[in-house]
Amino acid sequence: RMTRRGLKKDQKAAAAWHLVLNRRADEMEVRLKKGLGDASFNVNSPSQLMDLLYKRMKLPVQYKQTREGFRPTVDADALDNLAKITKNPIFQLVRGIRTLRKWDATFVMAEQDEQGIVHGKFSTAKAANGRLNSFDPNMQNFPVDVRVILTPDSHEHVLVARDWSQIEWRIAMVLSGDKAGLDALYNGRDAHKDAYAQAFLKEYDDVLKAERDIAKAINYGLLYGRGAQSISEGRAGHPEDQIPLDRVNEYIPRFLSKFEGYGKFRKTIEEQVKRHHYCTTAWGRRRWWYTTQNMPEAYNFPISGTAAHMMYEALIELDRELPEGSDLRLTVHDEVVVHAPKDQKTLQQTIECMRDVMEQPWQIVTNASLYPDIVRHYYPNGWFCPSESHLGTNWKMTKGATKEDLEAEQELLKYLAVTI
């Protein structure tokens, strides 16, 4: 039903983005050719690009597995990998051009029906952790800025997005029954600021934003099974995310000594995979491992797999319980987007329905904890995950909003006379 309903594409906004993206890509291509001294270079030619990156620039060859074996590639994954090891301006131009062209072809020019509706498809079969994935186009990869082109069906409707707050971190603390983590979340302390304070024995209020950012990067790196070296390198193409390796190595043992429950949880996963070759979500869904080569994914599977099942339950219930006139349009990881009428009564009912469904007690998650009694101490009525709602007259306004977007949203809220 989400696929069938889709989201409407604003044709004027899409046309404007088409021009902007291509103009930026053309300007970068001129600079690239000038830098190479080769006016005939075609950045879209895999053979020319491989010659440039692997032979002339001597970057490590990236490979892709096929039925016939492994072959060199310059696809998006290859460029992401190379971005971790080079800041060469020529490479940055290549990657920038390819990204802009992909945004235009895949998202701005996405196929639409006669009514201008884009019908992103969804599947349960691709993601190893069980999350819904999307394709044709991949709505989950829709660039935040370009989301401005996707709108409600009419001026009489708005989009309501609601997403869980730090869901994977919260699930990790519940499944591990970690006292330190649960205490911080229950009492409303920032999880990563609190983690840094505990790890380095600082007063909570004395933790700086930069220190909190370091803690967040390392905490989530551990959550996703990354090692110290990988965490220190940050995200591909984002040098600002890099953390000195000695700083990472200093933080991790301090963190695990304070968050003992989470440390034990990780060891429990290791033991289960080595002994039984699988681990499970709170709902009992198994993923199998026959080697320990992919152990980093095992650390995260019970957490992300549990979050995936929570979303399944929420989507089914929302589809059944939303008030007449409102309906589900899409989901992106921990976010749900609903199409709703502007009238105050229905809109308020929609927001309340989304809140009640997404913040319901998840007893099955509590019961799956290593220490369910500790979880019940903090959540006697059942553990739940807080969530937030945002309205928008386009999808961008509901997520990743700029200051101007937020001001526009406030005007919209004032107009609708609704308090979320």
Protein backbone atom coordinates (compact mmCIF):
# COMPACT_ATOMS: atom_id res chain seq x y z
CA ARG A 1 0.00 0.00 0.00
CA MET A 2 2.89 2.40 0.67
CA THR A 3 4.21 1.65 -2.82
CA ARG A 4 0.81 2.12 -4.41
CA ARG A 5 0.19 5.47 -2.67
CA GLY A 6 3.69 6.93 -3.18
CA LEU A 7 4.54 10.63 -2.90
CA LYS A 8 3.81 13.40 -5.34
CA LYS A 9 6.67 15.08 -7.18
CA ASP A 10 6.61 18.89 -7.38
CA GLN A 11 7.39 19.34 -11.08
CA LYS A 12 8.65 22.92 -10.78
CA ALA A 13 10.93 22.06 -7.86
CA ALA A 14 12.20 18.98 -9.68
CA ALA A 15 12.95 21.02 -12.81
CA ALA A 16 14.85 23.58 -10.74
CA TRP A 17 16.91 20.87 -9.02
CA HIS A 18 17.62 19.23 -12.37
CA LEU A 19 19.15 22.50 -13.61
CA VAL A 20 21.06 23.18 -10.39
CA LEU A 21 22.60 19.71 -10.10
CA ASN A 22 23.65 19.59 -13.74
CA ARG A 23 25.06 23.12 -13.65
CA ARG A 24 27.15 22.26 -10.59
CA ALA A 25 28.33 18.99 -12.17
CA ASP A 26 29.22 20.78 -15.42
CA GLU A 27 31.27 23.38 -13.54
CA MET A 28 33.13 20.65 -11.64
CA GLU A 29 33.74 18.74 -14.87
CA VAL A 30 35.35 21.80 -16.47
CA ARG A 31 37.68 22.08 -13.47
CA LEU A 32 38.45 18.36 -13.63
CA LYS A 33 39.39 18.42 -17.31
CA LYS A 34 41.49 21.53 -16.78
CA GLY A 35 43.28 19.88 -13.86
CA LEU A 36 43.96 16.76 -15.93
CA GLY A 37 44.94 18.72 -19.02
CA ASP A 38 42.61 16.47 -21.03
CA ALA A 39 39.51 18.04 -22.58
CA SER A 40 38.35 14.64 -23.88
CA PHE A 41 38.23 12.90 -20.49
CA ASN A 42 34.83 11.28 -19.85
CA VAL A 43 34.12 10.87 -16.13
CA ASN A 44 31.24 8.49 -16.97
CA SER A 45 33.53 6.03 -18.76
CA PRO A 46 34.51 3.18 -16.38
CA SER A 47 37.60 2.35 -18.45
CA GLN A 48 38.86 5.94 -18.48
CA LEU A 49 38.09 6.33 -14.79
CA MET A 50 39.92 3.11 -13.87
CA ASP A 51 42.89 4.25 -15.91
CA LEU A 52 42.90 7.59 -14.05
CA LEU A 53 42.41 6.24 -10.52
CA TYR A 54 44.35 2.99 -10.62
CA LYS A 55 47.12 3.58 -13.16
CA ARG A 56 47.80 7.30 -13.14
CA MET A 57 46.92 8.10 -9.51
CA LYS A 58 48.09 4.69 -8.21
CA LEU A 59 45.11 4.28 -5.88
CA PRO A 60 44.40 0.75 -4.59
CA VAL A 61 42.31 -1.19 -7.10
CA GLN A 62 38.77 -1.88 -5.87
CA TYR A 63 37.08 -5.12 -6.87
CA LYS A 64 33.52 -6.33 -7.27
CA GLN A 65 32.47 -9.96 -7.03
CA THR A 66 30.62 -11.42 -10.00
CA ARG A 67 29.66 -14.96 -11.03
CA GLU A 68 32.89 -15.14 -13.00
CA GLY A 69 35.02 -13.98 -10.06
CA PHE A 70 36.34 -10.59 -9.00
CA ARG A 71 36.75 -7.70 -11.42
CA PRO A 72 38.02 -4.11 -10.97
CA THR A 73 35.29 -1.52 -10.45
CA VAL A 74 34.76 2.21 -10.02
CA ASP A 75 31.17 1.98 -8.76
CA ALA A 76 29.81 4.06 -5.87
CA ASP A 77 31.04 1.60 -3.21
CA ALA A 78 34.53 1.68 -4.71
CA LEU A 79 34.61 5.49 -4.62
CA ASP A 80 33.37 5.45 -1.01
CA ASN A 81 36.21 3.11 -0.05
CA LEU A 82 38.80 5.25 -1.83
CA ALA A 83 37.46 8.37 -0.11
CA LYS A 84 38.70 6.90 3.19
CA ILE A 85 42.30 6.94 2.04
CA THR A 86 42.70 9.98 -0.22
CA LYS A 87 41.93 13.69 -0.13
CA ASN A 88 43.30 14.24 -3.64
CA PRO A 89 41.36 17.17 -5.21
CA ILE A 90 41.13 15.36 -8.55
CA PHE A 91 39.49 12.39 -6.85
CA GLN A 92 37.14 14.69 -4.93
CA LEU A 93 36.02 16.28 -8.21
CA VAL A 94 35.39 12.85 -9.75
CA ARG A 95 33.35 11.73 -6.77
CA GLY A 96 31.44 15.00 -6.60
CA ILE A 97 30.49 14.88 -10.28
CA ARG A 98 29.37 11.28 -10.07
CA THR A 99 27.29 12.01 -6.95
CA LEU A 100 25.51 14.99 -8.51
CA ARG A 101 24.75 13.09 -11.72
CA LYS A 102 23.40 10.17 -9.68
CA TRP A 103 21.18 12.43 -7.60
CA ASP A 104 19.71 13.88 -10.76
CA ALA A 105 19.19 10.61 -12.65
CA THR A 106 18.04 8.49 -9.71
CA PHE A 107 16.03 10.88 -7.57
CA VAL A 108 15.14 14.15 -9.34
CA MET A 109 14.25 12.35 -12.56
CA ALA A 110 12.67 9.37 -10.77
CA GLU A 111 9.90 7.70 -12.74
CA GLN A 112 6.40 8.96 -11.95
CA ASP A 113 2.86 8.06 -13.00
CA GLU A 114 0.31 10.22 -14.85
CA GLN A 115 -0.57 12.06 -11.63
CA GLY A 116 3.08 12.85 -10.91
CA ILE A 117 3.33 10.27 -8.11
CA VAL A 118 6.65 8.53 -7.41
CA HIS A 119 6.10 4.94 -6.28
CA GLY A 120 9.13 3.76 -4.34
CA LYS A 121 9.06 -0.01 -3.82
CA PHE A 122 9.80 -1.83 -0.56
CA SER A 123 11.15 -5.27 0.21
CA THR A 124 12.01 -7.42 3.22
CA ALA A 125 14.49 -9.72 1.52
CA LYS A 126 17.66 -7.70 1.01
CA ALA A 127 18.84 -6.27 4.34
CA ALA A 128 20.60 -8.89 6.47
CA ASN A 129 19.28 -7.34 9.68
CA GLY A 130 15.69 -7.65 8.47
CA ARG A 131 15.01 -3.98 7.86
CA LEU A 132 12.79 -2.92 4.99
CA ASN A 133 14.80 -1.83 1.99
CA SER A 134 13.61 0.36 -0.87
CA PHE A 135 14.28 0.50 -4.62
CA ASP A 136 13.14 2.06 -7.93
CA PRO A 137 13.93 4.60 -6.50
CA ASN A 138 15.57 3.90 -3.15
CA MET A 139 13.55 6.25 -0.95
CA GLN A 140 15.89 5.57 1.97
CA ASN A 141 18.81 7.12 0.06
CA PHE A 142 16.88 10.18 -1.11
CA PRO A 143 19.25 13.13 -0.40
CA VAL A 144 17.84 15.37 2.33
CA ASP A 145 18.03 18.56 0.25
CA VAL A 146 16.34 16.93 -2.75
CA ARG A 147 13.44 15.75 -0.56
CA VAL A 148 11.94 19.18 -1.11
CA ILE A 149 10.54 17.90 -4.44
CA LEU A 150 8.27 15.33 -2.72
CA THR A 151 5.02 16.80 -1.43
CA PRO A 152 1.49 15.93 -0.26
CA ASP A 153 -1.10 15.12 -2.90
CA SER A 154 -2.81 18.52 -2.53
CA HIS A 155 -2.67 21.83 -0.68
CA GLU A 156 -5.25 20.40 1.70
CA HIS A 157 -2.78 17.87 3.08
CA VAL A 158 0.53 17.81 4.95
CA LEU A 159 3.20 15.20 5.61
CA VAL A 160 3.73 14.07 9.20
CA ALA A 161 7.03 12.33 9.94
CA ARG A 162 7.74 10.66 13.24
CA ASP A 163 10.98 8.94 14.19
CA TRP A 164 12.31 7.11 17.19
CA SER A 165 15.00 8.83 19.23
CA GLN A 166 18.37 7.00 19.37
CA ILE A 167 16.54 3.71 19.00
CA GLU A 168 19.55 1.43 18.50
CA TRP A 169 21.43 2.88 21.46
CA ARG A 170 18.34 2.50 23.65
CA ILE A 171 17.77 -1.08 22.51
CA ALA A 172 21.43 -1.89 23.22
CA MET A 173 21.05 -0.63 26.78
CA VAL A 174 17.83 -2.62 27.27
CA LEU A 175 19.08 -5.91 25.79
CA SER A 176 22.26 -5.66 27.83
CA GLY A 177 20.43 -4.46 30.96
CA ASP A 178 23.19 -1.91 31.43
CA LYS A 179 22.54 0.09 34.61
CA ALA A 180 24.68 3.07 33.64
CA GLY A 181 23.07 3.44 30.23
CA LEU A 182 19.51 2.89 31.46
CA ASP A 183 19.94 5.34 34.32
CA ALA A 184 21.10 8.08 31.94
CA LEU A 185 18.24 7.51 29.50
CA TYR A 186 15.56 7.22 32.19
CA ASN A 187 16.66 10.44 33.84
CA GLY A 188 16.83 12.36 30.59
CA ARG A 189 20.61 12.78 30.42
CA ASP A 190 22.22 12.90 27.01
CA ALA A 191 23.53 9.37 26.43
CA HIS A 192 26.85 10.29 24.82
CA LYS A 193 27.60 13.25 27.05
CA ASP A 194 26.94 11.01 30.03
CA ALA A 195 29.12 8.22 28.60
CA TYR A 196 32.06 10.59 28.18
CA ALA A 197 31.58 11.97 31.69
CA GLN A 198 31.60 8.47 33.17
CA ALA A 199 34.51 7.24 31.08
CA PHE A 200 36.77 10.16 32.00
CA LEU A 201 35.33 10.89 35.47
CA LYS A 202 34.18 14.39 34.53
CA GLU A 203 31.19 16.31 35.80
CA TYR A 204 28.30 15.85 33.37
CA ASP A 205 27.83 19.61 32.87
CA ASP A 206 31.55 20.07 32.18
CA VAL A 207 31.59 17.82 29.11
CA LEU A 208 32.27 19.89 25.97
CA LYS A 209 30.39 19.45 22.70
CA ALA A 210 33.57 18.23 20.99
CA GLU A 211 34.01 15.60 23.71
CA ARG A 212 30.40 14.55 23.41
CA ASP A 213 30.84 14.20 19.61
CA ILE A 214 33.86 11.95 20.14
CA ALA A 215 31.88 9.77 22.54
CA LYS A 216 28.97 9.52 20.12
CA ALA A 217 31.20 8.49 17.21
CA ILE A 218 32.96 5.81 19.25
CA ASN A 219 29.78 4.57 20.94
CA TYR A 220 28.01 4.04 17.63
CA GLY A 221 31.18 2.60 16.12
CA LEU A 222 31.17 -0.06 18.85
CA LEU A 223 27.45 -0.57 18.33
CA TYR A 224 28.10 -1.40 14.67
CA GLY A 225 30.99 -3.69 15.52
CA ARG A 226 33.74 -1.45 14.18
CA GLY A 227 37.27 -1.74 15.52
CA ALA A 228 39.34 1.11 16.92
CA GLN A 229 41.18 1.72 13.62
CA SER A 230 37.94 1.83 11.63
CA ILE A 231 36.29 4.17 14.15
CA SER A 232 39.25 6.55 14.06
CA GLU A 233 38.95 6.85 10.26
CA GLY A 234 35.38 8.18 10.45
CA ARG A 235 32.96 8.11 7.52
CA ALA A 236 34.20 7.87 3.96
CA GLY A 237 34.70 11.34 2.50
CA HIS A 238 34.25 13.09 5.84
CA PRO A 239 37.71 13.94 7.20
CA GLU A 240 36.08 16.02 9.93
CA ASP A 241 34.89 12.74 11.49
CA GLN A 242 38.39 11.37 12.02
CA ILE A 243 39.51 10.82 15.62
CA PRO A 244 43.14 10.22 16.67
CA LEU A 245 43.61 6.48 17.14
CA ASP A 246 45.20 6.89 20.57
CA ARG A 247 42.09 8.81 21.69
CA VAL A 248 39.84 5.96 20.54
CA ASN A 249 42.05 3.38 22.25
CA GLU A 250 41.94 5.42 25.44
CA TYR A 251 38.14 5.79 25.42
CA ILE A 252 37.02 2.21 24.63
CA PRO A 253 38.35 0.39 27.74
CA ARG A 254 37.22 3.27 29.96
CA PHE A 255 33.74 3.11 28.44
CA LEU A 256 33.44 -0.67 28.75
CA SER A 257 34.61 -0.57 32.37
CA LYS A 258 31.73 1.77 33.23
CA PHE A 259 29.14 0.15 30.97
CA GLU A 260 29.73 -3.37 32.22
CA GLY A 261 26.36 -4.71 31.14
CA TYR A 262 26.95 -3.71 27.55
CA GLY A 263 30.45 -5.21 27.66
CA LYS A 264 29.01 -8.51 28.88
CA PHE A 265 26.33 -8.36 26.18
CA ARG A 266 29.02 -8.16 23.48
CA LYS A 267 30.85 -11.15 24.96
CA THR A 268 27.58 -13.11 25.11
CA ILE A 269 27.07 -12.50 21.38
CA GLU A 270 30.62 -13.71 20.65
CA GLU A 271 30.08 -16.89 22.65
CA GLN A 272 26.73 -17.65 21.05
CA VAL A 273 28.04 -17.21 17.51
CA LYS A 274 31.11 -19.37 18.20
CA ARG A 275 29.07 -22.09 19.91
CA HIS A 276 25.77 -22.06 17.97
CA HIS A 277 26.68 -20.10 14.81
CA TYR A 278 23.75 -17.70 15.14
CA CYS A 279 22.37 -14.89 17.25
CA THR A 280 18.81 -13.62 17.54
CA THR A 281 16.62 -10.55 17.83
CA ALA A 282 14.17 -10.00 20.68
CA TRP A 283 11.53 -11.64 18.48
CA GLY A 284 13.71 -14.72 17.96
CA ARG A 285 14.69 -14.06 14.35
CA ARG A 286 18.03 -15.76 13.69
CA ARG A 287 20.97 -14.83 11.53
CA TRP A 288 23.60 -17.48 10.96
CA TRP A 289 27.41 -17.24 10.98
CA TYR A 290 29.61 -20.14 9.95
CA THR A 291 32.87 -18.20 10.28
CA THR A 292 33.97 -15.41 12.59
CA GLN A 293 35.02 -13.17 9.69
CA ASN A 294 31.80 -11.15 9.87
CA MET A 295 31.69 -10.90 13.66
CA PRO A 296 31.39 -7.08 13.54
CA GLU A 297 27.92 -7.52 12.03
CA ALA A 298 27.00 -9.99 14.77
CA TYR A 299 27.52 -7.36 17.46
CA ASN A 300 24.86 -5.19 15.85
CA PHE A 301 22.38 -7.76 14.54
CA PRO A 302 20.37 -8.33 17.77
CA ILE A 303 20.04 -4.55 18.11
CA SER A 304 19.26 -3.49 14.55
CA GLY A 305 17.20 -6.63 13.96
CA THR A 306 15.07 -5.82 17.01
CA ALA A 307 14.59 -2.25 15.75
CA ALA A 308 13.54 -3.66 12.37
CA HIS A 309 10.87 -5.85 13.94
CA MET A 310 9.60 -2.95 16.04
CA MET A 311 9.08 -1.04 12.80
CA TYR A 312 7.19 -3.96 11.24
CA GLU A 313 4.84 -4.05 14.22
CA ALA A 314 4.40 -0.27 14.17
CA LEU A 315 3.70 -0.10 10.43
CA ILE A 316 1.05 -2.82 10.59
CA GLU A 317 -0.66 -1.18 13.56
CA LEU A 318 -0.49 2.31 12.05
CA ASP A 319 -1.98 1.09 8.79
CA ARG A 320 -4.88 -0.29 10.79
CA GLU A 321 -5.33 2.51 13.36
CA LEU A 322 -4.71 5.82 11.53
CA PRO A 323 -7.85 7.99 11.34
CA GLU A 324 -9.83 8.10 8.12
CA GLY A 325 -8.17 10.39 5.60
CA SER A 326 -4.62 9.72 6.83
CA ASP A 327 -2.42 6.95 5.43
CA LEU A 328 1.11 5.59 5.44
CA ARG A 329 3.38 6.72 2.60
CA LEU A 330 6.85 5.44 3.45
CA THR A 331 9.34 4.41 6.09
CA VAL A 332 13.05 5.18 6.23
CA HIS A 333 14.87 3.13 8.86
CA ASP A 334 13.43 4.50 12.15
CA GLU A 335 11.11 7.07 10.57
CA VAL A 336 7.51 6.83 9.40
CA VAL A 337 5.94 9.34 7.00
CA VAL A 338 2.16 9.75 6.98
CA HIS A 339 -0.01 11.76 4.58
CA ALA A 340 -2.73 13.62 6.53
CA PRO A 341 -5.48 16.19 5.97
CA LYS A 342 -4.86 19.70 7.27
CA ASP A 343 -8.04 19.92 9.30
CA GLN A 344 -7.10 20.28 12.95
CA LYS A 345 -9.13 17.40 14.37
CA THR A 346 -7.89 14.72 11.97
CA LEU A 347 -4.33 16.02 12.08
CA GLN A 348 -4.28 15.97 15.88
CA GLN A 349 -5.70 12.43 15.88
CA THR A 350 -3.04 11.39 13.37
CA ILE A 351 -0.20 12.76 15.49
CA GLU A 352 -1.57 11.16 18.65
CA CYS A 353 -2.06 7.81 16.88
CA MET A 354 1.54 7.85 15.62
CA ARG A 355 2.80 8.72 19.10
CA ASP A 356 0.74 6.02 20.85
CA VAL A 357 1.77 3.29 18.41
CA MET A 358 5.47 4.15 18.30
CA GLU A 359 5.79 4.79 22.05
CA GLN A 360 3.89 1.70 23.17
CA PRO A 361 5.58 -0.54 25.79
CA TRP A 362 7.63 -3.27 24.11
CA GLN A 363 7.47 -6.03 26.72
CA ILE A 364 9.05 -8.54 24.35
CA VAL A 365 12.21 -6.40 24.20
CA THR A 366 12.35 -6.16 28.00
CA ASN A 367 11.94 -9.94 28.30
CA ALA A 368 14.84 -10.50 25.89
CA SER A 369 17.25 -8.51 28.10
CA LEU A 370 20.19 -10.18 29.84
CA TYR A 371 18.82 -8.52 33.00
CA PRO A 372 15.06 -7.93 32.55
CA ASP A 373 14.60 -7.06 36.24
CA ILE A 374 17.00 -4.13 35.90
CA VAL A 375 15.04 -2.87 32.89
CA ARG A 376 11.74 -3.20 34.81
CA HIS A 377 13.24 -1.21 37.67
CA TYR A 378 13.57 1.77 35.34
CA TYR A 379 10.48 1.00 33.23
CA PRO A 380 7.93 -0.74 35.48
CA ASN A 381 5.19 -0.30 32.88
CA GLY A 382 7.37 -1.64 30.07
CA TRP A 383 10.25 -0.17 28.11
CA PHE A 384 9.34 2.25 25.32
CA CYS A 385 11.31 4.38 22.87
CA PRO A 386 10.57 8.14 22.77
CA SER A 387 9.76 9.64 19.37
CA GLU A 388 9.28 13.05 17.76
CA SER A 389 6.90 14.38 15.11
CA HIS A 390 7.41 17.10 12.52
CA LEU A 391 5.06 18.52 9.91
CA GLY A 392 5.91 19.71 6.45
CA THR A 393 4.47 20.81 3.14
CA ASN A 394 7.32 18.80 1.60
CA TRP A 395 9.39 15.88 2.84
CA LYS A 396 12.52 17.94 3.53
CA MET A 397 10.65 20.09 6.04
CA THR A 398 9.99 16.99 8.16
CA LYS A 399 13.61 15.86 8.37
CA GLY A 400 17.01 17.49 8.34
CA ALA A 401 15.43 20.92 8.43
CA THR A 402 17.49 24.09 8.19
CA LYS A 403 16.77 27.16 10.31
CA GLU A 404 14.63 28.53 7.48
CA ASP A 405 12.77 25.22 7.24
CA LEU A 406 12.07 25.25 10.97
CA GLU A 407 10.78 28.81 10.78
CA ALA A 408 8.50 27.79 7.92
CA GLU A 409 7.36 24.80 9.95
CA GLN A 410 6.53 27.04 12.91
CA GLU A 411 4.44 29.22 10.62
CA LEU A 412 2.69 26.11 9.41
CA LEU A 413 2.03 24.95 12.97
CA LYS A 414 0.71 28.38 13.88
CA TYR A 415 -1.55 28.30 10.85
CA LEU A 416 -2.86 24.87 11.78
CA ALA A 417 -3.13 25.79 15.48
CA VAL A 418 -1.63 22.43 16.45
CA THR A 419 0.89 21.71 19.18
CA ILE A 420 2.91 18.51 18.79
